[in-house]
Amino acid sequence: MKVYKKEVRKITVNEVLFLYVVDEQAYDIFFRIYSNAFKSTFVVFVVPWEDTRDILLYEPKQISKLVQYAINQGWDFHQKNNQMKFDNATSIIRVLMAE
């Protein structure tokens, strides 16, 4: 039986502190990026396990790009209870990796 892990880390993007959790589930990996001000404000990127072979999941530069992408898509991390989810975010991550 595989043991799945969940790691909590901190990252600063444009001088703003965010917390992010990489939650490895049975079929998918969830990236939850939380506003440091509100724990109820977060964005989730879902990536299937089979798509992770060529993606740099834990690289801070990649997480920073995901935060910036979510903000550009309308995620307001200053607002309480503001949540956004990107299912099957593999294509988003691959485009961001190419930049």
N, C-alpha and C. Protein backbone atom coordinates (compact mmCIF):
# COMPACT_ATOMS: atom_id res chain seq x y z
N MET A 1 0.84 -1.18 0.00
CA MET A 1 0.00 0.00 0.00
C MET A 1 0.88 1.24 0.00
N LYS A 2 0.59 2.16 -0.89
CA LYS A 2 1.39 3.36 -1.01
C LYS A 2 1.00 4.36 0.07
N VAL A 3 2.00 5.00 0.64
CA VAL A 3 1.76 6.03 1.64
C VAL A 3 1.75 7.37 0.92
N TYR A 4 0.68 8.11 1.07
CA TYR A 4 0.56 9.42 0.44
C TYR A 4 0.96 10.48 1.45
N LYS A 5 1.51 11.56 0.94
CA LYS A 5 1.98 12.58 1.87
C LYS A 5 1.37 13.93 1.55
N LYS A 6 1.40 14.77 2.56
CA LYS A 6 0.89 16.12 2.44
C LYS A 6 1.93 17.03 3.08
N GLU A 7 2.46 17.96 2.31
CA GLU A 7 3.48 18.86 2.82
C GLU A 7 2.99 20.30 2.78
N VAL A 8 3.25 21.04 3.84
CA VAL A 8 2.89 22.46 3.91
C VAL A 8 4.19 23.26 3.81
N ARG A 9 4.19 24.22 2.90
CA ARG A 9 5.37 25.07 2.70
C ARG A 9 4.94 26.52 2.55
N LYS A 10 5.91 27.42 2.68
CA LYS A 10 5.65 28.85 2.51
C LYS A 10 6.39 29.34 1.28
N ILE A 11 5.78 30.33 0.61
CA ILE A 11 6.42 30.95 -0.54
C ILE A 11 6.02 32.42 -0.57
N THR A 12 6.94 33.27 -0.98
CA THR A 12 6.67 34.69 -1.12
C THR A 12 6.64 35.02 -2.61
N VAL A 13 5.53 35.63 -3.03
CA VAL A 13 5.36 36.04 -4.42
C VAL A 13 5.04 37.53 -4.41
N ASN A 14 5.86 38.32 -5.08
CA ASN A 14 5.68 39.78 -5.12
C ASN A 14 5.56 40.36 -3.71
N GLU A 15 6.42 39.88 -2.83
CA GLU A 15 6.50 40.33 -1.44
C GLU A 15 5.23 40.05 -0.62
N VAL A 16 4.44 39.06 -1.05
CA VAL A 16 3.25 38.61 -0.33
C VAL A 16 3.46 37.15 0.04
N LEU A 17 3.21 36.81 1.30
CA LEU A 17 3.41 35.46 1.78
C LEU A 17 2.18 34.59 1.50
N PHE A 18 2.43 33.40 0.94
CA PHE A 18 1.40 32.41 0.70
C PHE A 18 1.84 31.10 1.33
N LEU A 19 0.88 30.27 1.68
CA LEU A 19 1.14 28.91 2.13
C LEU A 19 0.65 27.98 1.03
N TYR A 20 1.39 26.91 0.79
CA TYR A 20 0.89 25.95 -0.17
C TYR A 20 1.06 24.54 0.34
N VAL A 21 0.11 23.71 -0.04
CA VAL A 21 0.08 22.32 0.38
C VAL A 21 0.10 21.46 -0.88
N VAL A 22 1.01 20.52 -0.92
CA VAL A 22 1.02 19.53 -1.98
C VAL A 22 0.45 18.26 -1.38
N ASP A 23 -0.76 17.93 -1.80
CA ASP A 23 -1.50 16.80 -1.23
C ASP A 23 -1.54 15.67 -2.26
N GLU A 24 -0.77 14.63 -2.00
CA GLU A 24 -0.71 13.49 -2.91
C GLU A 24 -1.79 12.48 -2.54
N GLN A 25 -2.80 12.38 -3.38
CA GLN A 25 -3.90 11.44 -3.19
C GLN A 25 -3.68 10.21 -4.06
N ALA A 26 -4.62 9.29 -4.03
CA ALA A 26 -4.47 8.03 -4.75
C ALA A 26 -4.38 8.22 -6.27
N TYR A 27 -5.18 9.12 -6.85
CA TYR A 27 -5.22 9.28 -8.29
C TYR A 27 -4.77 10.65 -8.77
N ASP A 28 -4.78 11.63 -7.89
CA ASP A 28 -4.46 13.00 -8.26
C ASP A 28 -3.53 13.63 -7.23
N ILE A 29 -2.87 14.69 -7.66
CA ILE A 29 -2.09 15.53 -6.76
C ILE A 29 -2.79 16.88 -6.72
N PHE A 30 -3.05 17.36 -5.51
CA PHE A 30 -3.72 18.64 -5.32
C PHE A 30 -2.71 19.67 -4.81
N PHE A 31 -2.63 20.79 -5.51
CA PHE A 31 -1.86 21.93 -5.03
C PHE A 31 -2.85 22.93 -4.48
N ARG A 32 -2.81 23.17 -3.19
CA ARG A 32 -3.67 24.17 -2.57
C ARG A 32 -2.79 25.33 -2.15
N ILE A 33 -3.08 26.49 -2.66
CA ILE A 33 -2.32 27.69 -2.34
C ILE A 33 -3.24 28.60 -1.53
N TYR A 34 -2.82 28.89 -0.31
CA TYR A 34 -3.64 29.66 0.62
C TYR A 34 -3.10 31.07 0.77
N SER A 35 -4.02 32.00 0.93
CA SER A 35 -3.65 33.34 1.34
C SER A 35 -3.15 33.26 2.77
N ASN A 36 -2.11 33.99 3.10
CA ASN A 36 -1.60 33.97 4.46
C ASN A 36 -2.57 34.67 5.41
N ALA A 37 -3.39 35.57 4.89
CA ALA A 37 -4.33 36.33 5.72
C ALA A 37 -5.56 35.50 6.09
N PHE A 38 -6.09 34.72 5.14
CA PHE A 38 -7.32 33.96 5.36
C PHE A 38 -7.11 32.50 4.96
N LYS A 39 -7.34 31.60 5.88
CA LYS A 39 -7.20 30.18 5.58
C LYS A 39 -8.38 29.66 4.74
N SER A 40 -9.45 30.46 4.64
CA SER A 40 -10.60 30.07 3.84
C SER A 40 -10.48 30.57 2.40
N THR A 41 -9.39 31.26 2.09
CA THR A 41 -9.15 31.77 0.74
C THR A 41 -8.02 30.95 0.13
N PHE A 42 -8.37 30.20 -0.92
CA PHE A 42 -7.35 29.35 -1.54
C PHE A 42 -7.69 29.05 -2.98
N VAL A 43 -6.69 28.57 -3.70
CA VAL A 43 -6.86 28.11 -5.07
C VAL A 43 -6.31 26.69 -5.13
N VAL A 44 -6.97 25.85 -5.92
CA VAL A 44 -6.58 24.44 -6.03
C VAL A 44 -6.26 24.11 -7.49
N PHE A 45 -5.11 23.48 -7.69
CA PHE A 45 -4.73 22.95 -9.00
C PHE A 45 -4.68 21.44 -8.86
N VAL A 46 -5.42 20.74 -9.71
CA VAL A 46 -5.48 19.27 -9.66
C VAL A 46 -4.71 18.70 -10.85
N VAL A 47 -3.77 17.80 -10.56
CA VAL A 47 -2.96 17.17 -11.60
C VAL A 47 -3.04 15.66 -11.42
N PRO A 48 -3.45 14.92 -12.46
CA PRO A 48 -3.47 13.46 -12.36
C PRO A 48 -2.05 12.90 -12.24
N TRP A 49 -1.92 11.81 -11.48
CA TRP A 49 -0.61 11.19 -11.28
C TRP A 49 0.08 10.84 -12.60
N GLU A 50 -0.68 10.35 -13.58
CA GLU A 50 -0.05 9.91 -14.82
C GLU A 50 0.58 11.05 -15.61
N ASP A 51 0.24 12.29 -15.28
CA ASP A 51 0.79 13.45 -15.99
C ASP A 51 2.00 14.06 -15.29
N THR A 52 2.46 13.47 -14.20
CA THR A 52 3.50 14.12 -13.40
C THR A 52 4.92 13.71 -13.76
N ARG A 53 5.10 12.83 -14.69
CA ARG A 53 6.46 12.36 -15.01
C ARG A 53 7.36 13.45 -15.56
N ASP A 54 6.81 14.37 -16.33
CA ASP A 54 7.64 15.41 -16.94
C ASP A 54 7.37 16.81 -16.36
N ILE A 55 6.66 16.87 -15.25
CA ILE A 55 6.33 18.15 -14.63
C ILE A 55 7.12 18.31 -13.34
N LEU A 56 7.71 19.46 -13.16
CA LEU A 56 8.45 19.77 -11.94
C LEU A 56 7.47 20.28 -10.89
N LEU A 57 6.97 19.37 -10.08
CA LEU A 57 5.88 19.71 -9.17
C LEU A 57 6.30 20.55 -7.97
N TYR A 58 7.45 20.27 -7.42
CA TYR A 58 7.83 20.89 -6.15
C TYR A 58 8.77 22.09 -6.31
N GLU A 59 9.02 22.50 -7.52
CA GLU A 59 9.94 23.60 -7.76
C GLU A 59 9.28 24.93 -7.35
N PRO A 60 9.92 25.72 -6.48
CA PRO A 60 9.33 26.99 -6.03
C PRO A 60 8.99 27.96 -7.16
N LYS A 61 9.81 27.96 -8.20
CA LYS A 61 9.53 28.84 -9.34
C LYS A 61 8.20 28.46 -9.99
N GLN A 62 7.92 27.16 -10.07
CA GLN A 62 6.66 26.70 -10.66
C GLN A 62 5.47 27.09 -9.78
N ILE A 63 5.61 26.95 -8.48
CA ILE A 63 4.53 27.34 -7.56
C ILE A 63 4.28 28.83 -7.66
N SER A 64 5.34 29.62 -7.76
CA SER A 64 5.21 31.06 -7.92
C SER A 64 4.43 31.41 -9.18
N LYS A 65 4.70 30.69 -10.27
CA LYS A 65 3.97 30.91 -11.52
C LYS A 65 2.49 30.53 -11.37
N LEU A 66 2.22 29.47 -10.62
CA LEU A 66 0.82 29.08 -10.38
C LEU A 66 0.07 30.15 -9.59
N VAL A 67 0.73 30.72 -8.59
CA VAL A 67 0.11 31.81 -7.82
C VAL A 67 -0.20 32.98 -8.73
N GLN A 68 0.77 33.37 -9.54
CA GLN A 68 0.60 34.50 -10.45
C GLN A 68 -0.51 34.20 -11.46
N TYR A 69 -0.58 32.98 -11.96
CA TYR A 69 -1.62 32.59 -12.91
C TYR A 69 -3.01 32.71 -12.28
N ALA A 70 -3.15 32.22 -11.05
CA ALA A 70 -4.44 32.29 -10.37
C ALA A 70 -4.86 33.74 -10.15
N ILE A 71 -3.92 34.59 -9.77
CA ILE A 71 -4.24 36.01 -9.57
C ILE A 71 -4.67 36.64 -10.89
N ASN A 72 -3.98 36.31 -11.98
CA ASN A 72 -4.35 36.83 -13.30
C ASN A 72 -5.71 36.33 -13.76
N GLN A 73 -6.13 35.17 -13.26
CA GLN A 73 -7.44 34.61 -13.63
C GLN A 73 -8.56 35.15 -12.74
N GLY A 74 -8.23 36.01 -11.78
CA GLY A 74 -9.27 36.64 -10.97
C GLY A 74 -9.33 36.21 -9.52
N TRP A 75 -8.38 35.42 -9.07
CA TRP A 75 -8.37 35.02 -7.66
C TRP A 75 -7.91 36.19 -6.81
N ASP A 76 -8.78 36.63 -5.91
CA ASP A 76 -8.46 37.76 -5.03
C ASP A 76 -8.09 37.20 -3.66
N PHE A 77 -6.80 37.13 -3.38
CA PHE A 77 -6.34 36.53 -2.13
C PHE A 77 -6.55 37.45 -0.93
N HIS A 78 -6.98 38.68 -1.17
CA HIS A 78 -7.27 39.62 -0.07
C HIS A 78 -8.70 39.46 0.44
N GLN A 79 -9.54 38.76 -0.30
CA GLN A 79 -10.96 38.61 0.03
C GLN A 79 -11.19 37.29 0.77
N LYS A 80 -11.92 37.36 1.86
CA LYS A 80 -12.22 36.16 2.65
C LYS A 80 -13.15 35.21 1.89
N ASN A 81 -12.93 33.92 2.04
CA ASN A 81 -13.74 32.85 1.44
C ASN A 81 -13.71 32.85 -0.09
N ASN A 82 -12.67 33.38 -0.68
CA ASN A 82 -12.55 33.38 -2.14
C ASN A 82 -11.79 32.13 -2.55
N GLN A 83 -12.48 31.26 -3.31
CA GLN A 83 -11.89 29.98 -3.69
C GLN A 83 -11.98 29.79 -5.20
N MET A 84 -10.98 29.13 -5.75
CA MET A 84 -10.94 28.87 -7.18
C MET A 84 -10.33 27.48 -7.37
N LYS A 85 -10.80 26.76 -8.39
CA LYS A 85 -10.28 25.42 -8.63
C LYS A 85 -10.01 25.23 -10.13
N PHE A 86 -8.87 24.62 -10.44
CA PHE A 86 -8.50 24.28 -11.80
C PHE A 86 -8.35 22.77 -11.88
N ASP A 87 -9.36 22.09 -12.45
CA ASP A 87 -9.30 20.64 -12.63
C ASP A 87 -8.39 20.33 -13.81
N ASN A 88 -7.69 19.22 -13.72
CA ASN A 88 -6.77 18.78 -14.77
C ASN A 88 -5.88 19.95 -15.23
N ALA A 89 -5.09 20.45 -14.32
CA ALA A 89 -4.25 21.62 -14.56
C ALA A 89 -2.94 21.30 -15.27
N THR A 90 -2.83 20.12 -15.81
CA THR A 90 -1.60 19.72 -16.48
C THR A 90 -1.24 20.66 -17.62
N SER A 91 -2.21 21.01 -18.46
CA SER A 91 -1.92 21.88 -19.60
C SER A 91 -1.51 23.27 -19.13
N ILE A 92 -2.10 23.76 -18.07
CA ILE A 92 -1.73 25.06 -17.52
C ILE A 92 -0.28 25.03 -17.05
N ILE A 93 0.08 23.98 -16.33
CA ILE A 93 1.43 23.86 -15.80
C ILE A 93 2.46 23.72 -16.91
N ARG A 94 2.12 22.97 -17.94
CA ARG A 94 3.07 22.81 -19.05
C ARG A 94 3.31 24.13 -19.79
N VAL A 95 2.27 24.92 -19.97
CA VAL A 95 2.43 26.23 -20.60
C VAL A 95 3.30 27.13 -19.72
N LEU A 96 3.06 27.12 -18.40
CA LEU A 96 3.85 27.94 -17.49
C LEU A 96 5.31 27.47 -17.44
N MET A 97 5.54 26.19 -17.56
CA MET A 97 6.91 25.67 -17.57
C MET A 97 7.67 26.13 -18.80
N ALA A 98 6.96 26.30 -19.92
CA ALA A 98 7.61 26.70 -21.16
C ALA A 98 8.00 28.18 -21.17
N GLU A 99 7.42 28.97 -20.28
CA GLU A 99 7.73 30.41 -20.23
C GLU A 99 9.09 30.67 -19.66
